[in-house]
N, C-alpha and C. Protein backbone atom coordinates (compact mmCIF):
# COMPACT_ATOMS: atom_id res chain seq x y z
N MET A 1 16.30 -31.33 -10.83
CA MET A 1 14.95 -31.84 -10.63
C MET A 1 14.15 -30.79 -9.88
N ALA A 2 13.05 -30.38 -10.43
CA ALA A 2 12.21 -29.35 -9.82
C ALA A 2 11.15 -30.00 -8.94
N PHE A 3 10.80 -29.30 -7.88
CA PHE A 3 9.72 -29.76 -7.02
C PHE A 3 8.95 -28.55 -6.53
N SER A 4 7.73 -28.80 -6.10
CA SER A 4 6.84 -27.74 -5.65
C SER A 4 6.90 -27.63 -4.13
N VAL A 5 7.13 -26.44 -3.64
CA VAL A 5 7.18 -26.20 -2.21
C VAL A 5 5.78 -25.83 -1.74
N GLN A 6 5.27 -26.57 -0.77
CA GLN A 6 3.96 -26.28 -0.22
C GLN A 6 4.12 -25.36 0.98
N GLN A 7 3.36 -24.29 0.98
CA GLN A 7 3.43 -23.34 2.08
C GLN A 7 2.35 -23.66 3.10
N ILE A 8 2.68 -23.52 4.36
CA ILE A 8 1.73 -23.70 5.44
C ILE A 8 1.53 -22.34 6.08
N ASN A 9 0.28 -21.95 6.19
CA ASN A 9 -0.02 -20.66 6.82
C ASN A 9 0.41 -20.71 8.28
N PRO A 10 1.11 -19.68 8.78
CA PRO A 10 1.55 -19.68 10.17
C PRO A 10 0.40 -19.80 11.17
N LEU A 11 -0.80 -19.37 10.77
CA LEU A 11 -1.94 -19.50 11.67
C LEU A 11 -2.31 -20.95 11.93
N ASP A 12 -2.00 -21.83 10.97
CA ASP A 12 -2.31 -23.25 11.14
C ASP A 12 -1.34 -23.96 12.07
N LEU A 13 -0.26 -23.31 12.43
CA LEU A 13 0.73 -23.92 13.32
C LEU A 13 0.37 -23.75 14.79
N GLN A 14 -0.66 -22.98 15.07
CA GLN A 14 -1.12 -22.76 16.45
C GLN A 14 -2.54 -23.29 16.56
N PRO A 15 -2.70 -24.58 16.87
CA PRO A 15 -4.01 -25.22 16.77
C PRO A 15 -5.07 -24.71 17.74
N ARG A 16 -4.71 -24.01 18.79
CA ARG A 16 -5.70 -23.57 19.76
C ARG A 16 -6.19 -22.15 19.51
N LYS A 17 -5.63 -21.47 18.51
CA LYS A 17 -6.05 -20.10 18.21
C LYS A 17 -7.06 -20.11 17.07
N ALA A 18 -8.18 -19.45 17.29
CA ALA A 18 -9.20 -19.35 16.25
C ALA A 18 -8.75 -18.34 15.21
N VAL A 19 -9.01 -18.65 13.94
CA VAL A 19 -8.60 -17.75 12.85
C VAL A 19 -9.80 -17.12 12.15
N GLY A 20 -11.00 -17.54 12.47
CA GLY A 20 -12.16 -16.98 11.82
C GLY A 20 -13.45 -17.40 12.49
N VAL A 21 -14.55 -17.03 11.87
CA VAL A 21 -15.88 -17.35 12.38
C VAL A 21 -16.56 -18.25 11.37
N GLY A 22 -17.08 -19.38 11.86
CA GLY A 22 -17.72 -20.34 10.98
C GLY A 22 -19.20 -20.06 10.79
N LEU A 23 -19.74 -20.65 9.73
CA LEU A 23 -21.16 -20.53 9.43
C LEU A 23 -21.77 -21.92 9.47
N PRO A 24 -23.00 -22.08 9.82
CA PRO A 24 -23.97 -21.10 10.27
C PRO A 24 -23.76 -20.74 11.74
N PHE A 25 -24.44 -19.70 12.16
CA PHE A 25 -24.35 -19.26 13.55
C PHE A 25 -25.31 -20.07 14.41
N SER A 26 -24.97 -21.33 14.65
CA SER A 26 -25.87 -22.21 15.39
C SER A 26 -25.18 -22.84 16.59
N SER A 27 -24.18 -22.17 17.09
CA SER A 27 -23.41 -22.71 18.22
C SER A 27 -24.15 -22.44 19.52
N THR A 28 -23.76 -23.16 20.56
CA THR A 28 -24.33 -22.89 21.88
C THR A 28 -23.77 -21.59 22.44
N SER A 29 -22.59 -21.21 22.00
CA SER A 29 -22.05 -19.90 22.37
C SER A 29 -22.44 -18.91 21.26
N VAL A 30 -21.83 -17.76 21.24
CA VAL A 30 -22.21 -16.73 20.28
C VAL A 30 -21.82 -17.12 18.86
N PHE A 31 -20.57 -17.54 18.64
CA PHE A 31 -20.09 -17.87 17.31
C PHE A 31 -19.37 -19.21 17.31
N ASN A 32 -19.39 -19.86 16.15
CA ASN A 32 -18.54 -21.03 15.94
C ASN A 32 -17.20 -20.52 15.43
N SER A 33 -16.14 -20.88 16.08
CA SER A 33 -14.81 -20.46 15.65
C SER A 33 -14.24 -21.48 14.68
N THR A 34 -13.41 -21.00 13.74
CA THR A 34 -12.67 -21.88 12.86
C THR A 34 -11.21 -21.83 13.28
N TYR A 35 -10.56 -22.98 13.24
CA TYR A 35 -9.19 -23.08 13.75
C TYR A 35 -8.15 -23.34 12.68
N THR A 36 -8.58 -23.48 11.43
CA THR A 36 -7.63 -23.65 10.33
C THR A 36 -7.97 -22.65 9.23
N THR A 37 -6.99 -22.33 8.43
CA THR A 37 -7.23 -21.40 7.33
C THR A 37 -8.16 -22.03 6.29
N GLN A 38 -8.14 -23.34 6.16
CA GLN A 38 -9.04 -24.02 5.22
C GLN A 38 -10.49 -23.80 5.62
N ASP A 39 -10.81 -23.97 6.90
CA ASP A 39 -12.18 -23.76 7.37
C ASP A 39 -12.57 -22.28 7.29
N ALA A 40 -11.63 -21.39 7.59
CA ALA A 40 -11.92 -19.95 7.52
C ALA A 40 -12.18 -19.53 6.08
N LEU A 41 -11.40 -20.06 5.14
CA LEU A 41 -11.61 -19.74 3.73
C LEU A 41 -12.96 -20.24 3.25
N LYS A 42 -13.35 -21.43 3.64
CA LYS A 42 -14.64 -21.97 3.23
C LYS A 42 -15.79 -21.11 3.78
N ALA A 43 -15.68 -20.70 5.04
CA ALA A 43 -16.70 -19.83 5.64
C ALA A 43 -16.74 -18.48 4.91
N ASN A 44 -15.59 -17.95 4.52
CA ASN A 44 -15.55 -16.68 3.79
C ASN A 44 -16.19 -16.82 2.41
N LEU A 45 -15.96 -17.94 1.73
CA LEU A 45 -16.58 -18.18 0.43
C LEU A 45 -18.10 -18.28 0.56
N ILE A 46 -18.58 -19.01 1.55
CA ILE A 46 -20.02 -19.11 1.77
C ILE A 46 -20.61 -17.74 2.04
N ASN A 47 -19.96 -16.97 2.90
CA ASN A 47 -20.43 -15.63 3.22
C ASN A 47 -20.47 -14.76 1.97
N TYR A 48 -19.46 -14.86 1.13
CA TYR A 48 -19.41 -14.07 -0.10
C TYR A 48 -20.56 -14.43 -1.03
N PHE A 49 -20.81 -15.73 -1.23
CA PHE A 49 -21.84 -16.15 -2.17
C PHE A 49 -23.25 -15.85 -1.67
N LEU A 50 -23.43 -15.76 -0.37
CA LEU A 50 -24.75 -15.45 0.17
C LEU A 50 -24.98 -13.96 0.36
N THR A 51 -24.00 -13.14 0.04
CA THR A 51 -24.11 -11.69 0.19
C THR A 51 -24.46 -11.06 -1.15
N GLU A 52 -25.40 -10.14 -1.13
CA GLU A 52 -25.77 -9.39 -2.33
C GLU A 52 -24.90 -8.15 -2.44
N LYS A 53 -24.68 -7.70 -3.64
CA LYS A 53 -23.96 -6.45 -3.84
C LYS A 53 -24.75 -5.31 -3.20
N GLY A 54 -24.06 -4.43 -2.50
CA GLY A 54 -24.70 -3.32 -1.82
C GLY A 54 -25.18 -3.65 -0.42
N GLU A 55 -25.08 -4.89 -0.02
CA GLU A 55 -25.56 -5.32 1.29
C GLU A 55 -24.55 -5.03 2.40
N ARG A 56 -23.28 -5.08 2.10
CA ARG A 56 -22.23 -4.91 3.11
C ARG A 56 -21.96 -3.43 3.34
N PHE A 57 -22.11 -2.98 4.56
CA PHE A 57 -21.87 -1.60 4.93
C PHE A 57 -20.40 -1.25 4.73
N LEU A 58 -20.11 -0.12 4.14
CA LEU A 58 -18.78 0.40 3.84
C LEU A 58 -18.02 -0.43 2.80
N ASN A 59 -18.65 -1.44 2.22
CA ASN A 59 -18.04 -2.21 1.15
C ASN A 59 -19.14 -2.69 0.19
N PRO A 60 -19.78 -1.77 -0.52
CA PRO A 60 -20.94 -2.15 -1.33
C PRO A 60 -20.61 -3.01 -2.54
N ALA A 61 -19.36 -3.11 -2.93
CA ALA A 61 -19.00 -3.94 -4.08
C ALA A 61 -18.86 -5.41 -3.71
N LEU A 62 -18.79 -5.73 -2.42
CA LEU A 62 -18.63 -7.12 -1.99
C LEU A 62 -19.94 -7.87 -2.16
N GLY A 63 -19.88 -9.05 -2.69
CA GLY A 63 -21.05 -9.91 -2.83
C GLY A 63 -21.16 -10.47 -4.23
N ALA A 64 -21.66 -11.69 -4.31
CA ALA A 64 -21.77 -12.35 -5.61
C ALA A 64 -23.00 -11.91 -6.38
N GLY A 65 -24.04 -11.49 -5.67
CA GLY A 65 -25.26 -11.08 -6.36
C GLY A 65 -25.99 -12.23 -7.01
N LEU A 66 -25.90 -13.42 -6.42
CA LEU A 66 -26.52 -14.60 -7.04
C LEU A 66 -28.03 -14.61 -6.92
N ARG A 67 -28.58 -14.02 -5.86
CA ARG A 67 -30.04 -14.04 -5.70
C ARG A 67 -30.75 -13.35 -6.86
N ALA A 68 -30.12 -12.34 -7.44
CA ALA A 68 -30.72 -11.65 -8.58
C ALA A 68 -30.77 -12.54 -9.81
N LEU A 69 -29.90 -13.54 -9.88
CA LEU A 69 -29.84 -14.42 -11.04
C LEU A 69 -30.62 -15.72 -10.87
N LEU A 70 -30.90 -16.10 -9.64
CA LEU A 70 -31.32 -17.47 -9.39
C LEU A 70 -32.73 -17.82 -9.85
N PHE A 71 -33.70 -17.04 -9.52
CA PHE A 71 -35.05 -17.53 -9.69
C PHE A 71 -35.80 -16.84 -10.82
N ASP A 72 -35.07 -16.56 -11.90
CA ASP A 72 -35.71 -16.25 -13.18
C ASP A 72 -36.00 -17.60 -13.84
N GLN A 73 -36.47 -17.55 -15.06
CA GLN A 73 -36.65 -18.80 -15.80
C GLN A 73 -35.27 -19.45 -15.97
N MET A 74 -35.10 -20.66 -15.47
CA MET A 74 -33.80 -21.31 -15.48
C MET A 74 -33.57 -21.98 -16.83
N THR A 75 -32.55 -21.51 -17.53
CA THR A 75 -32.17 -22.07 -18.83
C THR A 75 -30.67 -22.36 -18.79
N GLU A 76 -30.16 -22.93 -19.86
CA GLU A 76 -28.72 -23.18 -19.94
C GLU A 76 -27.95 -21.86 -19.94
N ASP A 77 -28.51 -20.83 -20.56
CA ASP A 77 -27.85 -19.52 -20.55
C ASP A 77 -27.78 -18.95 -19.13
N LYS A 78 -28.83 -19.16 -18.35
CA LYS A 78 -28.85 -18.67 -16.96
C LYS A 78 -27.82 -19.43 -16.13
N LYS A 79 -27.67 -20.74 -16.38
CA LYS A 79 -26.63 -21.50 -15.68
C LYS A 79 -25.24 -20.95 -16.00
N GLU A 80 -25.00 -20.63 -17.26
CA GLU A 80 -23.71 -20.05 -17.66
C GLU A 80 -23.50 -18.69 -17.01
N GLU A 81 -24.57 -17.92 -16.88
CA GLU A 81 -24.47 -16.61 -16.23
C GLU A 81 -24.11 -16.76 -14.75
N ILE A 82 -24.70 -17.75 -14.09
CA ILE A 82 -24.37 -18.02 -12.68
C ILE A 82 -22.92 -18.48 -12.57
N ASN A 83 -22.49 -19.39 -13.44
CA ASN A 83 -21.10 -19.85 -13.42
C ASN A 83 -20.12 -18.71 -13.65
N TYR A 84 -20.46 -17.81 -14.57
CA TYR A 84 -19.60 -16.66 -14.83
C TYR A 84 -19.52 -15.76 -13.60
N ALA A 85 -20.65 -15.51 -12.93
CA ALA A 85 -20.65 -14.67 -11.74
C ALA A 85 -19.80 -15.29 -10.63
N VAL A 86 -19.88 -16.61 -10.48
CA VAL A 86 -19.08 -17.29 -9.45
C VAL A 86 -17.60 -17.20 -9.79
N ARG A 87 -17.24 -17.51 -11.02
CA ARG A 87 -15.82 -17.46 -11.42
C ARG A 87 -15.25 -16.05 -11.31
N GLN A 88 -16.01 -15.06 -11.76
CA GLN A 88 -15.54 -13.68 -11.71
C GLN A 88 -15.37 -13.21 -10.27
N GLY A 89 -16.31 -13.56 -9.40
CA GLY A 89 -16.22 -13.16 -8.00
C GLY A 89 -15.03 -13.80 -7.29
N VAL A 90 -14.81 -15.08 -7.54
CA VAL A 90 -13.67 -15.76 -6.92
C VAL A 90 -12.37 -15.18 -7.45
N PHE A 91 -12.31 -14.89 -8.74
CA PHE A 91 -11.11 -14.30 -9.32
C PHE A 91 -10.81 -12.94 -8.71
N GLU A 92 -11.84 -12.13 -8.48
CA GLU A 92 -11.65 -10.78 -7.96
C GLU A 92 -11.38 -10.74 -6.46
N TRP A 93 -12.16 -11.50 -5.68
CA TRP A 93 -12.10 -11.38 -4.22
C TRP A 93 -11.23 -12.45 -3.55
N PHE A 94 -10.97 -13.55 -4.22
CA PHE A 94 -10.16 -14.64 -3.66
C PHE A 94 -9.10 -15.04 -4.68
N PRO A 95 -8.11 -14.20 -4.92
CA PRO A 95 -7.14 -14.46 -5.99
C PRO A 95 -6.27 -15.69 -5.76
N ASN A 96 -6.18 -16.18 -4.54
CA ASN A 96 -5.37 -17.36 -4.28
C ASN A 96 -6.16 -18.66 -4.44
N VAL A 97 -7.44 -18.57 -4.78
CA VAL A 97 -8.29 -19.75 -4.95
C VAL A 97 -8.37 -20.09 -6.43
N ASN A 98 -8.13 -21.36 -6.74
CA ASN A 98 -8.19 -21.86 -8.10
C ASN A 98 -9.39 -22.81 -8.21
N ILE A 99 -10.38 -22.43 -9.02
CA ILE A 99 -11.56 -23.28 -9.21
C ILE A 99 -11.19 -24.41 -10.16
N GLN A 100 -11.32 -25.64 -9.67
CA GLN A 100 -11.01 -26.81 -10.49
C GLN A 100 -12.23 -27.32 -11.23
N GLU A 101 -13.38 -27.28 -10.58
CA GLU A 101 -14.62 -27.74 -11.21
C GLU A 101 -15.77 -26.93 -10.65
N LEU A 102 -16.66 -26.49 -11.52
CA LEU A 102 -17.83 -25.72 -11.12
C LEU A 102 -19.04 -26.28 -11.84
N VAL A 103 -20.02 -26.72 -11.06
CA VAL A 103 -21.23 -27.32 -11.63
C VAL A 103 -22.44 -26.62 -11.02
N THR A 104 -23.31 -26.12 -11.87
CA THR A 104 -24.57 -25.53 -11.43
C THR A 104 -25.70 -26.40 -11.95
N SER A 105 -26.55 -26.84 -11.06
CA SER A 105 -27.69 -27.67 -11.46
C SER A 105 -28.96 -27.09 -10.85
N TYR A 106 -30.09 -27.42 -11.46
CA TYR A 106 -31.35 -26.89 -10.95
C TYR A 106 -32.44 -27.93 -11.07
N ASN A 107 -33.42 -27.80 -10.20
CA ASN A 107 -34.60 -28.65 -10.21
C ASN A 107 -35.79 -27.71 -10.28
N GLN A 108 -36.43 -27.62 -11.44
CA GLN A 108 -37.53 -26.68 -11.61
C GLN A 108 -38.77 -27.08 -10.81
N ASP A 109 -38.95 -28.36 -10.58
CA ASP A 109 -40.12 -28.81 -9.82
C ASP A 109 -40.05 -28.37 -8.36
N ARG A 110 -38.86 -28.32 -7.81
CA ARG A 110 -38.69 -27.94 -6.40
C ARG A 110 -38.16 -26.52 -6.23
N ASN A 111 -37.92 -25.81 -7.32
CA ASN A 111 -37.38 -24.44 -7.28
C ASN A 111 -36.08 -24.37 -6.49
N THR A 112 -35.15 -25.26 -6.82
CA THR A 112 -33.85 -25.27 -6.15
C THR A 112 -32.74 -25.15 -7.18
N VAL A 113 -31.68 -24.48 -6.77
CA VAL A 113 -30.46 -24.38 -7.57
C VAL A 113 -29.31 -24.79 -6.68
N THR A 114 -28.44 -25.64 -7.20
CA THR A 114 -27.27 -26.10 -6.44
C THR A 114 -26.01 -25.69 -7.19
N VAL A 115 -25.13 -25.01 -6.47
CA VAL A 115 -23.83 -24.62 -7.02
C VAL A 115 -22.78 -25.44 -6.28
N SER A 116 -22.04 -26.25 -7.02
CA SER A 116 -21.00 -27.11 -6.45
C SER A 116 -19.65 -26.69 -7.04
N MET A 117 -18.69 -26.44 -6.17
CA MET A 117 -17.39 -25.95 -6.62
C MET A 117 -16.28 -26.72 -5.91
N ASN A 118 -15.41 -27.35 -6.70
CA ASN A 118 -14.18 -27.94 -6.19
C ASN A 118 -13.08 -26.92 -6.41
N TYR A 119 -12.30 -26.66 -5.38
CA TYR A 119 -11.28 -25.63 -5.49
C TYR A 119 -10.02 -26.03 -4.74
N SER A 120 -8.94 -25.35 -5.07
CA SER A 120 -7.68 -25.52 -4.34
C SER A 120 -7.11 -24.13 -4.10
N VAL A 121 -6.19 -24.07 -3.16
CA VAL A 121 -5.53 -22.81 -2.84
C VAL A 121 -4.11 -22.88 -3.38
N ILE A 122 -3.73 -21.87 -4.13
CA ILE A 122 -2.43 -21.83 -4.80
C ILE A 122 -1.30 -21.91 -3.78
N ASN A 123 -0.29 -22.72 -4.08
CA ASN A 123 0.92 -22.91 -3.28
C ASN A 123 0.67 -23.52 -1.90
N THR A 124 -0.46 -24.18 -1.73
CA THR A 124 -0.72 -24.90 -0.48
C THR A 124 -1.24 -26.28 -0.85
N ASN A 125 -1.46 -27.09 0.14
CA ASN A 125 -2.04 -28.41 -0.10
C ASN A 125 -3.54 -28.42 0.22
N ILE A 126 -4.15 -27.25 0.27
CA ILE A 126 -5.57 -27.15 0.59
C ILE A 126 -6.40 -27.41 -0.67
N GLN A 127 -7.27 -28.42 -0.57
CA GLN A 127 -8.26 -28.72 -1.61
C GLN A 127 -9.56 -29.00 -0.89
N ASP A 128 -10.65 -28.45 -1.42
CA ASP A 128 -11.92 -28.60 -0.72
C ASP A 128 -13.07 -28.50 -1.72
N GLN A 129 -14.25 -28.79 -1.26
CA GLN A 129 -15.45 -28.69 -2.07
C GLN A 129 -16.47 -27.85 -1.31
N LEU A 130 -17.16 -27.00 -2.05
CA LEU A 130 -18.19 -26.14 -1.49
C LEU A 130 -19.48 -26.41 -2.26
N VAL A 131 -20.54 -26.74 -1.55
CA VAL A 131 -21.85 -26.98 -2.16
C VAL A 131 -22.85 -26.05 -1.48
N ILE A 132 -23.50 -25.21 -2.30
CA ILE A 132 -24.50 -24.29 -1.76
C ILE A 132 -25.82 -24.59 -2.45
N ASN A 133 -26.85 -24.81 -1.65
CA ASN A 133 -28.20 -25.07 -2.16
C ASN A 133 -29.05 -23.81 -1.94
N PHE A 134 -29.63 -23.32 -3.00
CA PHE A 134 -30.54 -22.19 -2.92
C PHE A 134 -31.94 -22.72 -3.12
N GLU A 135 -32.84 -22.40 -2.18
CA GLU A 135 -34.22 -22.85 -2.27
C GLU A 135 -35.13 -21.64 -2.19
N GLN A 136 -36.24 -21.72 -2.92
CA GLN A 136 -37.20 -20.62 -2.88
C GLN A 136 -38.34 -20.99 -1.98
């Protein structure tokens, strides 16, 4: 009988140690710390999607480049282009993340685009949802 072994990141076994920096930077101190790998991964995904290519010093290839795609004339082809950029970026920069569902929706009257992604992390029990709203 086969079964799946779930791995726990060793960083999650030490609950008082911060493993990353959370977003947004609205804490009373300098930064919001994240204490689990799940929260750190979500913050890293948000940071990646909000970063443009060429924006990161010494790593110009990092970034989803979504702002260049977002506020053209929004069509079904443009939605597919955004979905492709998200899937390709996650595949390249986050190889342990498996996208389960990706939905891009837009409201032309309010000039907003919403990218919603349900994802899981391979060989762990981490499952989460990320929703990013882009407004002009």
